[in-house]
Amino acid sequence: MFRPHIPVNPLPTGIITPPTRPAPTADVEPRHESTPTAAGHPSPAAIQPRTTIQLTPGSAVALAAGGGAVVLVVGAVLVSMLLAVAITGVSVAATAVVLRLLVKDLQKGR
């Protein structure tokens, strides 16, 4: 069902062959969920549920502190990057103003 059916053209003729779909047959066996699949993996019904993770109050506080630290570090990095971009933009603008004034003064002097 999920395998692509690619048309086979032995020679490039310019004629496009549409993909073929097999006709449904009545002799298809129903799938049994309790037996392993063809690859040997157990069916979804046979998989045991996962155990839950239990947090003690100390580990919950440590987890919250770690998450807060990560948020603070990421925020500091992002703010510093924004500040670097802002400083660069201001310095480029100031340089452009100075160069414009110098070019204007050079053209007046001629």
N, C-alpha and C. Protein backbone atom coordinates (compact mmCIF):
# COMPACT_ATOMS: atom_id res chain seq x y z
N MET A 1 0.82 -1.19 0.00
CA MET A 1 0.00 0.00 0.00
C MET A 1 0.86 1.26 0.00
N PHE A 2 1.97 1.27 0.75
CA PHE A 2 2.80 2.46 0.84
C PHE A 2 4.00 2.42 -0.09
N ARG A 3 4.12 1.40 -0.89
CA ARG A 3 5.24 1.33 -1.83
C ARG A 3 4.87 2.07 -3.10
N PRO A 4 5.77 2.89 -3.62
CA PRO A 4 5.45 3.62 -4.85
C PRO A 4 5.44 2.69 -6.05
N HIS A 5 4.51 2.91 -6.92
CA HIS A 5 4.43 2.14 -8.16
C HIS A 5 4.96 3.03 -9.27
N ILE A 6 6.21 2.80 -9.67
CA ILE A 6 6.87 3.62 -10.67
C ILE A 6 6.70 2.95 -12.02
N PRO A 7 6.25 3.69 -13.03
CA PRO A 7 6.10 3.08 -14.34
C PRO A 7 7.45 2.71 -14.92
N VAL A 8 7.48 1.62 -15.64
CA VAL A 8 8.72 1.13 -16.22
C VAL A 8 8.65 1.34 -17.73
N ASN A 9 9.57 2.16 -18.24
CA ASN A 9 9.71 2.37 -19.68
C ASN A 9 11.11 1.91 -20.06
N PRO A 10 11.25 0.79 -20.77
CA PRO A 10 12.60 0.32 -21.11
C PRO A 10 13.33 1.28 -22.04
N LEU A 11 12.63 1.94 -22.95
CA LEU A 11 13.24 2.91 -23.85
C LEU A 11 12.49 4.24 -23.72
N PRO A 12 13.18 5.34 -23.76
CA PRO A 12 12.46 6.62 -23.68
C PRO A 12 11.69 6.86 -24.98
N THR A 13 10.39 6.73 -24.92
CA THR A 13 9.55 6.90 -26.11
C THR A 13 8.77 8.19 -26.10
N GLY A 14 8.73 8.89 -24.99
CA GLY A 14 7.94 10.09 -24.90
C GLY A 14 6.51 9.81 -24.45
N ILE A 15 6.15 8.53 -24.40
CA ILE A 15 4.83 8.15 -23.94
C ILE A 15 4.91 7.89 -22.44
N ILE A 16 4.05 8.53 -21.70
CA ILE A 16 4.06 8.38 -20.25
C ILE A 16 3.12 7.26 -19.88
N THR A 17 3.66 6.29 -19.17
CA THR A 17 2.85 5.16 -18.72
C THR A 17 2.35 5.46 -17.32
N PRO A 18 1.04 5.51 -17.11
CA PRO A 18 0.55 5.79 -15.75
C PRO A 18 0.81 4.62 -14.83
N PRO A 19 0.95 4.89 -13.53
CA PRO A 19 1.16 3.78 -12.60
C PRO A 19 -0.08 2.90 -12.52
N THR A 20 0.17 1.63 -12.35
CA THR A 20 -0.94 0.69 -12.27
C THR A 20 -1.23 0.36 -10.82
N ARG A 21 -2.48 0.14 -10.52
CA ARG A 21 -2.89 -0.26 -9.19
C ARG A 21 -3.43 -1.68 -9.26
N PRO A 22 -3.01 -2.52 -8.34
CA PRO A 22 -3.53 -3.89 -8.38
C PRO A 22 -5.02 -3.88 -8.03
N ALA A 23 -5.73 -4.76 -8.70
CA ALA A 23 -7.16 -4.87 -8.44
C ALA A 23 -7.37 -5.51 -7.08
N PRO A 24 -8.37 -5.06 -6.32
CA PRO A 24 -8.62 -5.68 -5.01
C PRO A 24 -9.10 -7.12 -5.19
N THR A 25 -8.54 -7.96 -4.35
CA THR A 25 -8.92 -9.38 -4.42
C THR A 25 -9.65 -9.77 -3.15
N ALA A 26 -10.45 -10.82 -3.27
CA ALA A 26 -11.24 -11.28 -2.13
C ALA A 26 -10.46 -12.21 -1.22
N ASP A 27 -9.32 -12.71 -1.67
CA ASP A 27 -8.58 -13.69 -0.87
C ASP A 27 -7.51 -13.03 0.01
N VAL A 28 -7.72 -11.79 0.43
CA VAL A 28 -6.80 -11.11 1.34
C VAL A 28 -7.15 -11.51 2.75
N GLU A 29 -6.13 -11.97 3.50
CA GLU A 29 -6.37 -12.40 4.87
C GLU A 29 -6.42 -11.20 5.80
N PRO A 30 -7.30 -11.21 6.79
CA PRO A 30 -7.31 -10.10 7.75
C PRO A 30 -6.06 -10.14 8.62
N ARG A 31 -5.63 -8.98 9.04
CA ARG A 31 -4.43 -8.88 9.86
C ARG A 31 -4.79 -9.13 11.32
N HIS A 32 -4.03 -9.99 11.97
CA HIS A 32 -4.24 -10.28 13.38
C HIS A 32 -3.29 -9.42 14.19
N GLU A 33 -3.83 -8.63 15.11
CA GLU A 33 -3.03 -7.71 15.91
C GLU A 33 -2.23 -8.39 17.01
N SER A 34 -2.56 -9.59 17.38
CA SER A 34 -1.87 -10.23 18.49
C SER A 34 -0.63 -11.01 18.05
N THR A 35 -0.44 -11.21 16.77
CA THR A 35 0.73 -11.95 16.29
C THR A 35 1.81 -10.97 15.87
N PRO A 36 3.08 -11.38 15.92
CA PRO A 36 4.15 -10.51 15.45
C PRO A 36 4.01 -10.23 13.96
N THR A 37 4.49 -9.08 13.54
CA THR A 37 4.42 -8.73 12.13
C THR A 37 5.47 -9.51 11.36
N ALA A 38 5.51 -9.29 10.05
CA ALA A 38 6.44 -10.04 9.20
C ALA A 38 7.89 -9.75 9.55
N ALA A 39 8.17 -8.57 10.07
CA ALA A 39 9.55 -8.23 10.41
C ALA A 39 9.97 -8.79 11.77
N GLY A 40 9.06 -9.41 12.48
CA GLY A 40 9.39 -10.00 13.77
C GLY A 40 9.15 -9.07 14.93
N HIS A 41 8.66 -7.86 14.68
CA HIS A 41 8.37 -6.92 15.75
C HIS A 41 7.00 -7.22 16.33
N PRO A 42 6.82 -7.02 17.62
CA PRO A 42 5.50 -7.26 18.20
C PRO A 42 4.51 -6.21 17.70
N SER A 43 3.27 -6.60 17.65
CA SER A 43 2.23 -5.67 17.20
C SER A 43 2.02 -4.59 18.26
N PRO A 44 1.39 -3.48 17.89
CA PRO A 44 1.19 -2.39 18.86
C PRO A 44 0.40 -2.82 20.09
N ALA A 45 -0.47 -3.82 19.95
CA ALA A 45 -1.27 -4.26 21.10
C ALA A 45 -0.41 -5.00 22.12
N ALA A 46 0.72 -5.58 21.70
CA ALA A 46 1.55 -6.37 22.60
C ALA A 46 2.59 -5.52 23.33
N ILE A 47 2.75 -4.24 22.97
CA ILE A 47 3.76 -3.38 23.59
C ILE A 47 3.26 -2.95 24.96
N GLN A 48 4.12 -3.08 25.96
CA GLN A 48 3.76 -2.71 27.33
C GLN A 48 3.81 -1.19 27.48
N PRO A 49 2.94 -0.60 28.28
CA PRO A 49 3.00 0.85 28.47
C PRO A 49 4.25 1.24 29.25
N ARG A 50 4.71 2.46 29.03
CA ARG A 50 5.91 2.95 29.71
C ARG A 50 5.59 3.24 31.17
N THR A 51 6.63 3.14 31.98
CA THR A 51 6.47 3.48 33.38
C THR A 51 6.56 5.00 33.54
N THR A 52 5.88 5.54 34.49
CA THR A 52 5.90 6.98 34.71
C THR A 52 7.13 7.37 35.51
N ILE A 53 7.59 8.60 35.29
CA ILE A 53 8.75 9.11 36.01
C ILE A 53 8.24 9.83 37.25
N GLN A 54 8.78 9.47 38.39
CA GLN A 54 8.36 10.10 39.63
C GLN A 54 9.42 11.09 40.07
N LEU A 55 8.99 12.32 40.32
CA LEU A 55 9.91 13.36 40.74
C LEU A 55 9.76 13.60 42.24
N THR A 56 10.87 13.63 42.91
CA THR A 56 10.87 14.01 44.32
C THR A 56 10.86 15.54 44.39
N PRO A 57 10.51 16.12 45.52
CA PRO A 57 10.53 17.59 45.61
C PRO A 57 11.90 18.19 45.30
N GLY A 58 12.95 17.52 45.73
CA GLY A 58 14.30 18.02 45.45
C GLY A 58 14.63 18.00 43.97
N SER A 59 14.26 16.91 43.29
CA SER A 59 14.55 16.83 41.86
C SER A 59 13.67 17.79 41.07
N ALA A 60 12.45 18.06 41.54
CA ALA A 60 11.58 19.02 40.86
C ALA A 60 12.17 20.42 40.97
N VAL A 61 12.71 20.77 42.14
CA VAL A 61 13.34 22.09 42.31
C VAL A 61 14.59 22.19 41.45
N ALA A 62 15.37 21.12 41.39
CA ALA A 62 16.58 21.13 40.56
C ALA A 62 16.22 21.26 39.09
N LEU A 63 15.16 20.59 38.67
CA LEU A 63 14.72 20.68 37.28
C LEU A 63 14.24 22.08 36.95
N ALA A 64 13.49 22.70 37.86
CA ALA A 64 13.02 24.07 37.64
C ALA A 64 14.18 25.05 37.62
N ALA A 65 15.15 24.87 38.51
CA ALA A 65 16.32 25.75 38.54
C ALA A 65 17.14 25.60 37.27
N GLY A 66 17.30 24.37 36.80
CA GLY A 66 18.04 24.15 35.56
C GLY A 66 17.34 24.78 34.37
N GLY A 67 16.01 24.64 34.32
CA GLY A 67 15.27 25.27 33.23
C GLY A 67 15.36 26.78 33.28
N GLY A 68 15.28 27.33 34.49
CA GLY A 68 15.43 28.79 34.62
C GLY A 68 16.80 29.26 34.19
N ALA A 69 17.83 28.50 34.54
CA ALA A 69 19.20 28.87 34.15
C ALA A 69 19.36 28.84 32.63
N VAL A 70 18.76 27.84 32.01
CA VAL A 70 18.84 27.75 30.54
C VAL A 70 18.15 28.94 29.90
N VAL A 71 16.98 29.32 30.43
CA VAL A 71 16.26 30.47 29.88
C VAL A 71 17.08 31.74 30.05
N LEU A 72 17.71 31.92 31.22
CA LEU A 72 18.52 33.12 31.44
C LEU A 72 19.73 33.17 30.52
N VAL A 73 20.39 32.04 30.32
CA VAL A 73 21.58 32.02 29.46
C VAL A 73 21.19 32.30 28.01
N VAL A 74 20.14 31.65 27.54
CA VAL A 74 19.70 31.88 26.16
C VAL A 74 19.25 33.32 25.98
N GLY A 75 18.54 33.87 26.96
CA GLY A 75 18.13 35.27 26.87
C GLY A 75 19.31 36.21 26.84
N ALA A 76 20.33 35.95 27.66
CA ALA A 76 21.51 36.81 27.67
C ALA A 76 22.25 36.76 26.33
N VAL A 77 22.33 35.57 25.76
CA VAL A 77 23.00 35.44 24.45
C VAL A 77 22.22 36.21 23.38
N LEU A 78 20.90 36.07 23.38
CA LEU A 78 20.10 36.76 22.37
C LEU A 78 20.16 38.27 22.54
N VAL A 79 20.12 38.75 23.77
CA VAL A 79 20.20 40.20 24.00
C VAL A 79 21.57 40.72 23.58
N SER A 80 22.62 39.99 23.88
CA SER A 80 23.95 40.46 23.48
C SER A 80 24.11 40.48 21.96
N MET A 81 23.50 39.51 21.27
CA MET A 81 23.56 39.52 19.80
C MET A 81 22.78 40.71 19.25
N LEU A 82 21.62 41.00 19.84
CA LEU A 82 20.84 42.15 19.39
C LEU A 82 21.60 43.45 19.64
N LEU A 83 22.27 43.54 20.78
CA LEU A 83 23.06 44.73 21.10
C LEU A 83 24.22 44.88 20.12
N ALA A 84 24.87 43.79 19.77
CA ALA A 84 25.98 43.85 18.81
C ALA A 84 25.49 44.34 17.45
N VAL A 85 24.33 43.87 17.02
CA VAL A 85 23.78 44.31 15.74
C VAL A 85 23.43 45.79 15.79
N ALA A 86 22.85 46.23 16.90
CA ALA A 86 22.49 47.64 17.03
C ALA A 86 23.72 48.54 17.02
N ILE A 87 24.76 48.16 17.73
CA ILE A 87 26.00 48.96 17.77
C ILE A 87 26.63 49.01 16.38
N THR A 88 26.63 47.89 15.68
CA THR A 88 27.20 47.85 14.33
C THR A 88 26.41 48.77 13.40
N GLY A 89 25.08 48.73 13.50
CA GLY A 89 24.26 49.59 12.65
C GLY A 89 24.51 51.05 12.90
N VAL A 90 24.63 51.45 14.17
CA VAL A 90 24.88 52.85 14.49
C VAL A 90 26.26 53.28 13.98
N SER A 91 27.25 52.42 14.13
CA SER A 91 28.60 52.79 13.67
C SER A 91 28.65 52.89 12.15
N VAL A 92 27.95 52.03 11.44
CA VAL A 92 27.92 52.12 9.97
C VAL A 92 27.20 53.40 9.54
N ALA A 93 26.13 53.75 10.23
CA ALA A 93 25.41 54.98 9.88
C ALA A 93 26.27 56.21 10.14
N ALA A 94 26.99 56.21 11.25
CA ALA A 94 27.86 57.35 11.55
C ALA A 94 28.98 57.45 10.53
N THR A 95 29.53 56.33 10.12
CA THR A 95 30.59 56.33 9.11
C THR A 95 30.05 56.86 7.78
N ALA A 96 28.83 56.47 7.43
CA ALA A 96 28.24 56.96 6.17
C ALA A 96 28.04 58.47 6.21
N VAL A 97 27.61 59.02 7.35
CA VAL A 97 27.42 60.47 7.47
C VAL A 97 28.75 61.19 7.34
N VAL A 98 29.78 60.68 7.98
CA VAL A 98 31.10 61.32 7.91
C VAL A 98 31.64 61.27 6.48
N LEU A 99 31.50 60.11 5.83
CA LEU A 99 31.99 60.01 4.45
C LEU A 99 31.22 60.94 3.52
N ARG A 100 29.92 61.07 3.73
CA ARG A 100 29.12 61.97 2.89
C ARG A 100 29.58 63.41 3.06
N LEU A 101 29.84 63.80 4.30
CA LEU A 101 30.32 65.16 4.54
C LEU A 101 31.69 65.39 3.91
N LEU A 102 32.58 64.40 4.00
CA LEU A 102 33.90 64.55 3.40
C LEU A 102 33.82 64.67 1.88
N VAL A 103 32.95 63.85 1.28
CA VAL A 103 32.81 63.91 -0.19
C VAL A 103 32.23 65.25 -0.61
N LYS A 104 31.27 65.77 0.17
CA LYS A 104 30.66 67.07 -0.13
C LYS A 104 31.71 68.18 -0.03
N ASP A 105 32.55 68.12 1.01
CA ASP A 105 33.59 69.12 1.17
C ASP A 105 34.62 69.04 0.05
N LEU A 106 34.96 67.84 -0.40
CA LEU A 106 35.92 67.70 -1.50
C LEU A 106 35.36 68.27 -2.80
N GLN A 107 34.07 68.09 -3.03
CA GLN A 107 33.48 68.61 -4.26
C GLN A 107 33.32 70.13 -4.22
N LYS A 108 33.14 70.73 -3.04
CA LYS A 108 33.08 72.18 -2.91
C LYS A 108 34.44 72.82 -3.17
N GLY A 109 35.48 72.17 -2.79
CA GLY A 109 36.82 72.72 -2.89
C GLY A 109 37.31 72.82 -4.31
N ARG A 110 36.71 72.15 -5.24
CA ARG A 110 37.19 72.20 -6.63
C ARG A 110 36.82 73.45 -7.29
